């Protein structure tokens, strides 16, 4: 998958990510640009949860969507 496809996918799924983790701002999601590790860190910060819990939430999200992280 090339960079344009990844960016296009992220733009499509950014809304779904925002629905799942509403405390994350559009600016934060723009900074993440689909990078899973950064998403995990931002979820931890915004919700005051452990890395393990953030990773679990992301894994659950992945199962319910077709987004492929980079």
N, C-alpha and C. Protein backbone atom coordinates (compact mmCIF):
# COMPACT_ATOMS: atom_id res chain seq x y z
N UNK A 1 0.85 -1.17 0.00
CA UNK A 1 0.00 0.00 0.00
C UNK A 1 0.90 1.23 0.00
N UNK A 2 0.63 2.16 -0.90
CA UNK A 2 1.47 3.35 -0.95
C UNK A 2 0.96 4.43 0.01
N UNK A 3 1.77 5.45 0.17
CA UNK A 3 1.47 6.51 1.15
C UNK A 3 0.11 7.16 0.89
N UNK A 4 -0.24 7.40 -0.38
CA UNK A 4 -1.53 8.03 -0.70
C UNK A 4 -2.70 7.15 -0.25
N UNK A 5 -2.55 5.83 -0.42
CA UNK A 5 -3.62 4.92 0.01
C UNK A 5 -3.75 4.93 1.53
N UNK A 6 -2.62 4.93 2.23
CA UNK A 6 -2.64 4.96 3.70
C UNK A 6 -3.31 6.23 4.17
N UNK A 7 -2.93 7.36 3.59
CA UNK A 7 -3.53 8.64 3.98
C UNK A 7 -5.02 8.66 3.69
N UNK A 8 -5.42 8.13 2.55
CA UNK A 8 -6.84 8.07 2.20
C UNK A 8 -7.62 7.20 3.16
N UNK A 9 -7.04 6.06 3.52
CA UNK A 9 -7.68 5.18 4.50
C UNK A 9 -7.82 5.86 5.84
N UNK A 10 -6.77 6.56 6.27
CA UNK A 10 -6.83 7.23 7.57
C UNK A 10 -7.92 8.29 7.57
N UNK A 11 -8.02 9.05 6.51
CA UNK A 11 -9.07 10.08 6.44
C UNK A 11 -10.45 9.45 6.56
N UNK A 12 -10.62 8.30 5.94
CA UNK A 12 -11.91 7.60 5.99
C UNK A 12 -12.19 7.10 7.41
N UNK A 13 -11.19 6.53 8.06
CA UNK A 13 -11.41 5.93 9.37
C UNK A 13 -11.27 6.90 10.52
N UNK A 14 -10.74 8.08 10.26
CA UNK A 14 -10.56 9.08 11.33
C UNK A 14 -11.89 9.38 12.00
N UNK A 15 -12.95 9.46 11.25
CA UNK A 15 -14.27 9.71 11.82
C UNK A 15 -14.71 8.58 12.74
N UNK A 16 -14.41 7.34 12.36
CA UNK A 16 -14.76 6.20 13.22
C UNK A 16 -13.92 6.20 14.49
N UNK A 17 -12.66 6.57 14.36
CA UNK A 17 -11.80 6.67 15.54
C UNK A 17 -12.34 7.75 16.47
N UNK A 18 -12.76 8.85 15.90
CA UNK A 18 -13.31 9.96 16.70
C UNK A 18 -14.60 9.53 17.41
N UNK A 19 -15.42 8.71 16.75
CA UNK A 19 -16.63 8.20 17.39
C UNK A 19 -16.28 7.30 18.57
N UNK A 20 -15.25 6.48 18.41
CA UNK A 20 -14.85 5.54 19.45
C UNK A 20 -14.20 6.26 20.62
N UNK A 21 -13.33 7.23 20.33
CA UNK A 21 -12.60 7.94 21.38
C UNK A 21 -12.85 9.43 21.21
N UNK A 22 -14.01 9.86 21.66
CA UNK A 22 -14.47 11.23 21.46
C UNK A 22 -13.64 12.31 22.12
N UNK A 23 -12.82 11.95 23.09
CA UNK A 23 -11.97 12.95 23.74
C UNK A 23 -10.78 13.36 22.88
N UNK A 24 -10.52 12.60 21.82
CA UNK A 24 -9.41 12.93 20.93
C UNK A 24 -9.87 14.00 19.94
N UNK A 25 -9.12 15.08 19.86
CA UNK A 25 -9.50 16.19 18.98
C UNK A 25 -9.10 15.90 17.55
N UNK A 26 -9.67 16.66 16.63
CA UNK A 26 -9.29 16.53 15.22
C UNK A 26 -7.80 16.83 15.04
N UNK A 27 -7.29 17.82 15.77
CA UNK A 27 -5.86 18.15 15.67
C UNK A 27 -5.01 16.97 16.12
N UNK A 28 -5.42 16.31 17.20
CA UNK A 28 -4.68 15.15 17.68
C UNK A 28 -4.71 14.04 16.65
N UNK A 29 -5.86 13.79 16.06
CA UNK A 29 -5.98 12.74 15.05
C UNK A 29 -5.17 13.08 13.81
N UNK A 30 -5.08 14.36 13.46
CA UNK A 30 -4.24 14.76 12.33
C UNK A 30 -2.77 14.48 12.63
N UNK A 31 -2.35 14.69 13.87
CA UNK A 31 -0.97 14.43 14.26
C UNK A 31 -0.67 12.93 14.24
N UNK A 32 -1.62 12.12 14.61
CA UNK A 32 -1.43 10.67 14.67
C UNK A 32 -1.23 10.10 13.27
N UNK A 33 -1.99 10.60 12.30
CA UNK A 33 -1.93 10.16 10.91
C UNK A 33 -1.99 8.64 10.76
N UNK A 34 -2.77 7.97 11.59
CA UNK A 34 -2.96 6.54 11.45
C UNK A 34 -1.91 5.67 12.11
N UNK A 35 -0.97 6.27 12.82
CA UNK A 35 0.07 5.47 13.47
C UNK A 35 -0.46 4.90 14.77
N UNK A 36 -0.49 3.59 14.84
CA UNK A 36 -1.10 2.86 15.96
C UNK A 36 -0.46 3.21 17.30
N UNK A 37 0.85 3.24 17.34
CA UNK A 37 1.55 3.52 18.60
C UNK A 37 1.20 4.90 19.14
N UNK A 38 1.13 5.88 18.26
CA UNK A 38 0.76 7.22 18.70
C UNK A 38 -0.69 7.26 19.17
N UNK A 39 -1.56 6.54 18.48
CA UNK A 39 -2.96 6.48 18.91
C UNK A 39 -3.05 5.92 20.32
N UNK A 40 -2.32 4.86 20.57
CA UNK A 40 -2.34 4.24 21.89
C UNK A 40 -1.93 5.25 22.97
N UNK A 41 -0.86 5.98 22.71
CA UNK A 41 -0.39 6.98 23.68
C UNK A 41 -1.40 8.08 23.92
N UNK A 42 -2.04 8.55 22.87
CA UNK A 42 -3.03 9.63 23.00
C UNK A 42 -4.27 9.14 23.75
N UNK A 43 -4.66 7.88 23.53
CA UNK A 43 -5.80 7.32 24.26
C UNK A 43 -5.45 7.23 25.74
N UNK A 44 -4.24 6.78 26.04
CA UNK A 44 -3.81 6.68 27.43
C UNK A 44 -3.88 8.04 28.12
N UNK A 45 -3.36 9.07 27.45
CA UNK A 45 -3.36 10.42 28.01
C UNK A 45 -4.78 10.95 28.21
N UNK A 46 -5.60 10.82 27.18
CA UNK A 46 -6.94 11.41 27.21
C UNK A 46 -7.86 10.74 28.22
N UNK A 47 -7.70 9.43 28.39
CA UNK A 47 -8.63 8.68 29.24
C UNK A 47 -8.03 8.21 30.55
N UNK A 48 -6.74 8.46 30.76
CA UNK A 48 -6.10 8.07 32.01
C UNK A 48 -6.10 6.56 32.23
N UNK A 49 -5.83 5.82 31.16
CA UNK A 49 -5.84 4.36 31.25
C UNK A 49 -4.44 3.81 30.98
N UNK A 50 -4.25 2.55 31.28
CA UNK A 50 -2.96 1.91 31.08
C UNK A 50 -2.70 1.63 29.60
N UNK A 51 -1.44 1.38 29.29
CA UNK A 51 -1.07 1.02 27.93
C UNK A 51 -1.80 -0.26 27.51
N UNK A 52 -1.89 -1.20 28.43
CA UNK A 52 -2.55 -2.47 28.12
C UNK A 52 -4.02 -2.26 27.77
N UNK A 53 -4.70 -1.40 28.53
CA UNK A 53 -6.11 -1.13 28.25
C UNK A 53 -6.27 -0.40 26.92
N UNK A 54 -5.40 0.55 26.64
CA UNK A 54 -5.46 1.26 25.36
C UNK A 54 -5.25 0.28 24.20
N UNK A 55 -4.28 -0.61 24.34
CA UNK A 55 -4.02 -1.61 23.30
C UNK A 55 -5.21 -2.54 23.12
N UNK A 56 -5.86 -2.90 24.21
CA UNK A 56 -7.05 -3.76 24.14
C UNK A 56 -8.16 -3.05 23.38
N UNK A 57 -8.37 -1.77 23.69
CA UNK A 57 -9.41 -1.02 23.01
C UNK A 57 -9.12 -0.90 21.51
N UNK A 58 -7.86 -0.68 21.17
CA UNK A 58 -7.48 -0.58 19.76
C UNK A 58 -7.70 -1.92 19.06
N UNK A 59 -7.32 -3.01 19.71
CA UNK A 59 -7.52 -4.34 19.13
C UNK A 59 -9.00 -4.61 18.90
N UNK A 60 -9.84 -4.22 19.86
CA UNK A 60 -11.29 -4.38 19.69
C UNK A 60 -11.78 -3.56 18.51
N UNK A 61 -11.26 -2.34 18.39
CA UNK A 61 -11.63 -1.47 17.28
C UNK A 61 -11.21 -2.10 15.95
N UNK A 62 -10.00 -2.65 15.90
CA UNK A 62 -9.51 -3.28 14.68
C UNK A 62 -10.41 -4.43 14.24
N UNK A 63 -10.86 -5.22 15.21
CA UNK A 63 -11.74 -6.34 14.87
C UNK A 63 -13.07 -5.88 14.30
N UNK A 64 -13.51 -4.70 14.71
CA UNK A 64 -14.81 -4.22 14.26
C UNK A 64 -14.71 -3.33 13.01
N UNK A 65 -13.50 -3.09 12.54
CA UNK A 65 -13.33 -2.28 11.33
C UNK A 65 -12.30 -2.95 10.42
N UNK A 66 -12.13 -2.40 9.27
CA UNK A 66 -11.17 -2.99 8.33
C UNK A 66 -9.93 -2.13 8.17
N UNK A 67 -9.70 -1.21 9.10
CA UNK A 67 -8.55 -0.32 8.99
C UNK A 67 -7.25 -1.08 9.24
N UNK A 68 -6.24 -0.84 8.40
CA UNK A 68 -4.92 -1.43 8.55
C UNK A 68 -3.96 -0.35 9.01
N UNK A 69 -3.41 -0.50 10.20
CA UNK A 69 -2.50 0.48 10.78
C UNK A 69 -1.15 0.43 10.10
N UNK A 70 -0.43 1.54 10.17
CA UNK A 70 0.95 1.59 9.66
C UNK A 70 1.86 2.11 10.74
